[in-house]
Amino acid sequence: MAELRIHSDISLKLGDREFEEIRKLIWQETGIYLGKQKKSLVISRLAKRLRTLGVKTFKGYLEVLKKDWQHEFSLFIDALTTNYSYFFRENRHLELLKTMVIPCFNSEKKLYCWSAGCATGEEPYSIAITIMEALGPELRKWDLKIYATDISSSALAIARRGIYKMEKVENASPHILKKYFLKGRGKWEGCVKVKDEVRKLVVFKKINLLDPKEITLRFHLIFCRNVLIYFNSETRRKVLENLKRRLKPGGFLFLGHSETLPIDEKGFSFIEPSAYRLQEQKDERWS
């Protein structure tokens, strides 16, 4: 039985039965797979919720969770999900956005992007800034939509606010910082705020990738980076199928640098590691 001491006089123990119930709940509702070695992580992530609620055992917390499902489950998910990100992360994909994706759709002047698993918003704002830099004044001639979704309500709240510590923009050049961010003063010293002209380009929504029925658009580009690593193989296939259905033929899919499509995944052309393109549908009436 794993135990975590959170104060000198308080310790939390997580029994195997309660741990298995927590693993089952988060997998059924989100598809996130928690390995059996993650018990200590679960204790540390949920400890704050138990303290806040004045609950002394995980058995008691699970009872609260079931009684107040609609409210508490959102906080349960927020506690157990990882929302680490920063601006211009894995910048190679943003280079491909400028040099390959935008030119592919230049004739129709339409670009719909989806940041699936956007965490606290650094990725979709990086996408928006990259497009603004690439198109310049031509941007107003384009039909541009950027959707950003996550399952964490707290992460989305941070994303919508658009305020970040300076360390989150370390990869941004002085030109980008000056053009697209405001520097904080007073109590906001050491922080930056994304300018309104960037923020207005991004629409944030709370979406579960296992059931993204609210996403009705088909996209030219989907970023789903460092998300699939939290799913088992069965769930990864379900999520990939949901992404594929919402990708236009000829559209691009960018995964995290350590993620790949399954070997038997059909319909995608390989561009380079973690970058793929959905093949155009052939008209079988002609050869």
Protein backbone atom coordinates (compact mmCIF):
# COMPACT_ATOMS: atom_id res chain seq x y z
CA MET A 1 0.00 0.00 0.00
CA ALA A 2 1.51 3.33 -1.10
CA GLU A 3 1.63 6.15 1.43
CA LEU A 4 2.38 9.85 1.15
CA ARG A 5 2.96 12.13 4.13
CA ILE A 6 1.50 15.53 3.22
CA HIS A 7 1.89 17.22 6.60
CA SER A 8 3.85 16.21 9.66
CA ASP A 9 0.70 14.87 11.26
CA ILE A 10 -1.22 13.61 8.22
CA SER A 11 -0.53 10.71 5.89
CA LEU A 12 -2.58 9.38 2.99
CA LYS A 13 -2.67 5.72 2.09
CA LEU A 14 -4.00 4.44 -1.21
CA GLY A 15 -5.09 0.83 -1.12
CA ASP A 16 -4.98 -1.42 -4.17
CA ARG A 17 -8.78 -1.52 -4.46
CA GLU A 18 -9.16 2.28 -4.47
CA PHE A 19 -6.20 2.67 -6.84
CA GLU A 20 -7.74 0.23 -9.32
CA GLU A 21 -11.05 2.11 -9.12
CA ILE A 22 -9.29 5.41 -9.86
CA ARG A 23 -7.40 3.83 -12.78
CA LYS A 24 -10.65 2.42 -14.16
CA LEU A 25 -12.53 5.71 -13.81
CA ILE A 26 -9.99 7.84 -15.62
CA TRP A 27 -9.54 5.26 -18.36
CA GLN A 28 -13.28 4.84 -18.97
CA GLU A 29 -13.97 8.57 -19.04
CA THR A 30 -10.86 9.94 -20.78
CA GLY A 31 -8.92 7.03 -22.26
CA ILE A 32 -5.86 7.95 -20.18
CA TYR A 33 -3.98 4.87 -19.08
CA LEU A 34 -2.39 4.98 -15.64
CA GLY A 35 0.15 2.22 -15.16
CA LYS A 36 0.33 0.31 -11.89
CA GLN A 37 3.59 2.12 -11.11
CA LYS A 38 1.73 5.45 -10.97
CA LYS A 39 0.27 4.99 -7.48
CA SER A 40 2.55 7.54 -5.81
CA LEU A 41 1.78 10.05 -8.55
CA VAL A 42 -1.97 9.59 -8.00
CA ILE A 43 -1.56 10.17 -4.27
CA SER A 44 0.47 13.35 -4.75
CA ARG A 45 -1.86 14.72 -7.46
CA LEU A 46 -5.08 14.07 -5.50
CA ALA A 47 -3.76 15.01 -2.06
CA LYS A 48 -4.78 18.65 -2.47
CA ARG A 49 -8.36 17.69 -3.34
CA LEU A 50 -8.62 15.54 -0.20
CA ARG A 51 -7.25 18.35 1.96
CA THR A 52 -9.60 20.89 0.39
CA LEU A 53 -12.61 18.65 0.94
CA GLY A 54 -11.52 17.62 4.44
CA VAL A 55 -11.58 13.98 3.40
CA LYS A 56 -9.09 11.71 5.17
CA THR A 57 -9.15 8.59 2.96
CA PHE A 58 -9.25 7.78 -0.73
CA LYS A 59 -12.26 5.59 -0.09
CA GLY A 60 -14.02 8.66 1.28
CA TYR A 61 -12.89 10.72 -1.69
CA LEU A 62 -14.31 8.21 -4.16
CA GLU A 63 -17.64 8.43 -2.35
CA VAL A 64 -17.57 12.24 -2.70
CA LEU A 65 -16.64 11.89 -6.37
CA LYS A 66 -19.64 9.66 -7.08
CA LYS A 67 -22.06 11.89 -5.16
CA ASP A 68 -20.90 15.13 -6.78
CA TRP A 69 -19.87 13.73 -10.16
CA GLN A 70 -20.60 16.72 -12.36
CA HIS A 71 -18.52 19.17 -10.32
CA GLU A 72 -15.86 17.03 -8.67
CA PHE A 73 -15.04 14.88 -11.71
CA SER A 74 -13.76 17.93 -13.59
CA LEU A 75 -11.42 18.71 -10.68
CA PHE A 76 -10.42 15.04 -10.50
CA ILE A 77 -9.39 15.14 -14.18
CA ASP A 78 -7.57 18.45 -13.74
CA ALA A 79 -5.54 16.95 -10.91
CA LEU A 80 -4.52 13.81 -12.78
CA THR A 81 -3.76 15.23 -16.24
CA THR A 82 -0.41 16.66 -17.29
CA ASN A 83 -0.52 20.11 -18.89
CA TYR A 84 3.14 20.94 -19.38
CA SER A 85 3.86 23.07 -22.45
CA TYR A 86 5.73 26.14 -23.68
CA PHE A 87 5.77 28.40 -26.72
CA PHE A 88 7.34 27.17 -29.97
CA ARG A 89 7.87 23.67 -28.59
CA GLU A 90 9.19 21.16 -31.14
CA ASN A 91 9.58 24.05 -33.56
CA ARG A 92 10.16 21.82 -36.61
CA HIS A 93 6.39 21.40 -37.02
CA LEU A 94 5.93 25.16 -37.09
CA GLU A 95 8.59 25.35 -39.82
CA LEU A 96 6.60 22.77 -41.80
CA LEU A 97 3.47 24.86 -41.25
CA LYS A 98 5.22 27.81 -42.92
CA THR A 99 7.08 26.00 -45.70
CA MET A 100 4.72 23.14 -46.60
CA VAL A 101 1.21 23.45 -45.16
CA ILE A 102 0.42 27.08 -45.99
CA PRO A 103 1.71 26.82 -49.60
CA CYS A 104 -0.42 23.69 -50.13
CA PHE A 105 -3.62 25.63 -49.45
CA ASN A 106 -2.59 28.99 -50.86
CA SER A 107 -4.89 28.71 -53.88
CA GLU A 108 -8.05 28.30 -51.81
CA LYS A 109 -6.94 30.76 -49.12
CA LYS A 110 -8.46 28.58 -46.42
CA LEU A 111 -6.73 27.02 -43.41
CA TYR A 112 -8.51 25.26 -40.56
CA CYS A 113 -6.23 24.08 -37.73
CA TRP A 114 -6.95 22.00 -34.64
CA SER A 115 -4.67 21.85 -31.62
CA ALA A 116 -5.98 18.64 -30.05
CA GLY A 117 -4.81 18.42 -26.44
CA CYS A 118 -3.76 22.07 -26.28
CA ALA A 119 -2.99 22.09 -22.51
CA THR A 120 -2.57 25.70 -21.33
CA GLY A 121 -2.63 27.24 -24.80
CA GLU A 122 1.02 27.74 -25.73
CA GLU A 123 0.71 25.48 -28.80
CA PRO A 124 -2.33 27.09 -30.49
CA TYR A 125 -0.97 30.58 -29.83
CA SER A 126 2.35 29.48 -31.37
CA ILE A 127 0.40 28.23 -34.41
CA ALA A 128 -1.44 31.55 -34.69
CA ILE A 129 1.78 33.59 -34.43
CA THR A 130 3.50 31.40 -37.03
CA ILE A 131 0.63 31.90 -39.48
CA MET A 132 0.54 35.65 -38.82
CA GLU A 133 4.27 35.90 -39.48
CA ALA A 134 4.06 33.78 -42.64
CA LEU A 135 1.10 35.58 -44.21
CA GLY A 136 1.57 39.13 -43.01
CA PRO A 137 -1.00 41.51 -44.57
CA GLU A 138 -2.30 38.63 -46.70
CA LEU A 139 -3.86 37.10 -43.58
CA ARG A 140 -7.04 39.13 -44.02
CA LYS A 141 -7.63 37.39 -47.37
CA TRP A 142 -7.61 33.96 -45.74
CA ASP A 143 -10.41 32.02 -44.09
CA LEU A 144 -8.49 31.02 -40.96
CA LYS A 145 -9.83 29.03 -38.03
CA ILE A 146 -7.79 27.70 -35.12
CA TYR A 147 -9.57 25.40 -32.68
CA ALA A 148 -7.81 24.41 -29.46
CA THR A 149 -9.25 21.72 -27.21
CA ASP A 150 -8.39 19.97 -23.99
CA ILE A 151 -10.14 17.88 -21.37
CA SER A 152 -8.85 20.00 -18.47
CA SER A 153 -11.03 22.95 -17.44
CA SER A 154 -8.24 24.57 -15.43
CA ALA A 155 -5.79 24.33 -18.34
CA LEU A 156 -8.31 25.95 -20.67
CA ALA A 157 -8.91 28.76 -18.18
CA ILE A 158 -5.18 29.56 -18.26
CA ALA A 159 -5.18 29.35 -22.06
CA ARG A 160 -8.08 31.78 -22.43
CA ARG A 161 -6.44 34.27 -20.08
CA GLY A 162 -3.24 34.18 -22.13
CA ILE A 163 -0.85 35.18 -19.33
CA TYR A 164 2.39 33.23 -18.88
CA LYS A 165 5.66 33.34 -16.99
CA MET A 166 8.67 34.50 -19.00
CA GLU A 167 10.18 31.03 -18.93
CA LYS A 168 7.35 29.86 -21.20
CA VAL A 169 8.50 32.16 -24.02
CA GLU A 170 12.25 31.47 -23.82
CA ASN A 171 12.16 30.05 -27.37
CA ALA A 172 10.64 33.24 -28.80
CA SER A 173 12.93 35.74 -30.55
CA PRO A 174 13.05 39.37 -29.36
CA HIS A 175 11.11 40.30 -32.52
CA ILE A 176 8.30 37.85 -31.73
CA LEU A 177 8.16 38.90 -28.07
CA LYS A 178 7.86 42.56 -28.94
CA LYS A 179 5.32 42.06 -31.72
CA TYR A 180 2.93 39.55 -30.14
CA PHE A 181 3.28 39.84 -26.34
CA LEU A 182 2.86 42.48 -23.65
CA LYS A 183 5.31 42.56 -20.72
CA GLY A 184 3.86 42.55 -17.22
CA ARG A 185 4.40 45.29 -14.69
CA GLY A 186 3.88 45.50 -10.94
CA LYS A 187 2.41 42.24 -9.67
CA TRP A 188 2.71 40.84 -13.21
CA GLU A 189 6.46 41.47 -13.38
CA GLY A 190 8.14 38.42 -14.93
CA CYS A 191 5.04 37.54 -16.98
CA VAL A 192 3.85 38.16 -20.52
CA LYS A 193 0.36 38.42 -21.99
CA VAL A 194 -0.55 37.31 -25.50
CA LYS A 195 -1.82 40.30 -27.47
CA ASP A 196 -5.51 40.42 -28.34
CA GLU A 197 -4.91 40.14 -32.09
CA VAL A 198 -3.41 36.68 -31.49
CA ARG A 199 -5.93 35.56 -28.86
CA LYS A 200 -8.93 36.38 -31.05
CA LEU A 201 -7.72 33.89 -33.68
CA VAL A 202 -8.03 30.91 -31.31
CA VAL A 203 -11.27 29.27 -30.15
CA PHE A 204 -10.88 27.15 -27.00
CA LYS A 205 -13.26 24.28 -26.20
CA LYS A 206 -13.40 21.49 -23.64
CA ILE A 207 -13.36 18.27 -25.65
CA ASN A 208 -12.74 14.60 -24.90
CA LEU A 209 -10.78 13.13 -27.82
CA LEU A 210 -12.57 9.81 -27.35
CA ASP A 211 -15.85 11.50 -28.25
CA PRO A 212 -15.22 14.81 -30.03
CA LYS A 213 -18.75 15.07 -31.44
CA GLU A 214 -18.79 18.85 -30.97
CA ILE A 215 -15.99 19.18 -33.51
CA THR A 216 -17.86 19.23 -36.82
CA LEU A 217 -15.26 20.94 -39.01
CA ARG A 218 -12.79 19.11 -41.20
CA PHE A 219 -9.29 20.47 -40.83
CA HIS A 220 -6.34 21.11 -43.10
CA LEU A 221 -3.95 20.61 -40.18
CA ILE A 222 -4.19 18.82 -36.84
CA PHE A 223 -1.58 19.07 -34.09
CA CYS A 224 -1.92 16.22 -31.59
CA ARG A 225 1.45 16.25 -29.92
CA ASN A 226 2.52 14.46 -26.75
CA VAL A 227 -1.04 13.27 -26.19
CA LEU A 228 -1.10 9.71 -27.53
CA ILE A 229 1.67 8.69 -25.13
CA TYR A 230 -0.89 8.75 -22.29
CA PHE A 231 -3.15 6.16 -23.97
CA ASN A 232 -2.88 2.42 -24.41
CA SER A 233 -2.78 0.99 -27.94
CA GLU A 234 -6.55 0.44 -28.15
CA THR A 235 -7.35 4.00 -27.10
CA ARG A 236 -4.67 5.43 -29.38
CA ARG A 237 -6.38 3.79 -32.35
CA LYS A 238 -9.76 5.23 -31.34
CA VAL A 239 -8.33 8.72 -30.96
CA LEU A 240 -6.44 8.49 -34.25
CA GLU A 241 -9.62 7.39 -36.01
CA ASN A 242 -11.47 10.39 -34.57
CA LEU A 243 -8.70 12.70 -35.78
CA LYS A 244 -8.62 11.07 -39.21
CA ARG A 245 -12.38 11.57 -39.67
CA ARG A 246 -11.92 15.29 -39.04
CA LEU A 247 -8.96 15.73 -41.38
CA LYS A 248 -9.53 16.83 -44.96
CA PRO A 249 -8.02 14.64 -47.69
CA GLY A 250 -4.58 16.10 -48.25
CA GLY A 251 -4.56 17.47 -44.70
CA PHE A 252 -1.61 17.20 -42.34
CA LEU A 253 -1.24 15.48 -38.96
CA PHE A 254 1.61 16.38 -36.61
CA LEU A 255 2.33 14.14 -33.60
CA GLY A 256 4.84 14.52 -30.77
CA HIS A 257 8.50 13.87 -31.57
CA SER A 258 8.39 10.50 -29.77
CA GLU A 259 5.05 9.43 -31.28
CA THR A 260 4.37 7.51 -34.48
CA LEU A 261 1.38 6.12 -36.31
CA PRO A 262 0.79 2.37 -35.97
CA ILE A 263 2.59 0.37 -38.66
CA ASP A 264 -0.71 -0.87 -40.09
CA GLU A 265 -2.38 2.58 -40.11
CA LYS A 266 -3.65 3.17 -43.64
CA GLY A 267 -4.38 6.35 -45.53
CA PHE A 268 -1.43 8.49 -44.44
CA SER A 269 1.75 9.37 -46.32
CA PHE A 270 4.94 9.74 -44.30
CA ILE A 271 6.56 13.17 -44.55
CA GLU A 272 9.19 12.91 -41.84
CA PRO A 273 9.24 11.58 -38.26
CA SER A 274 6.00 12.65 -36.49
CA ALA A 275 4.62 14.41 -39.61
CA TYR A 276 2.04 12.78 -41.89
CA ARG A 277 -0.38 13.71 -44.67
CA LEU A 278 -3.77 12.14 -45.30
CA GLN A 279 -3.83 10.78 -48.83
CA GLU A 280 -6.19 12.26 -51.36
CA GLN A 281 -9.19 10.07 -52.12
CA LYS A 282 -8.98 8.50 -55.56
CA ASP A 283 -11.87 8.45 -57.98
CA GLU A 284 -12.13 4.74 -58.74
CA ARG A 285 -14.04 5.45 -61.98
CA TRP A 286 -10.87 6.63 -63.67
CA SER A 287 -7.32 5.33 -63.95
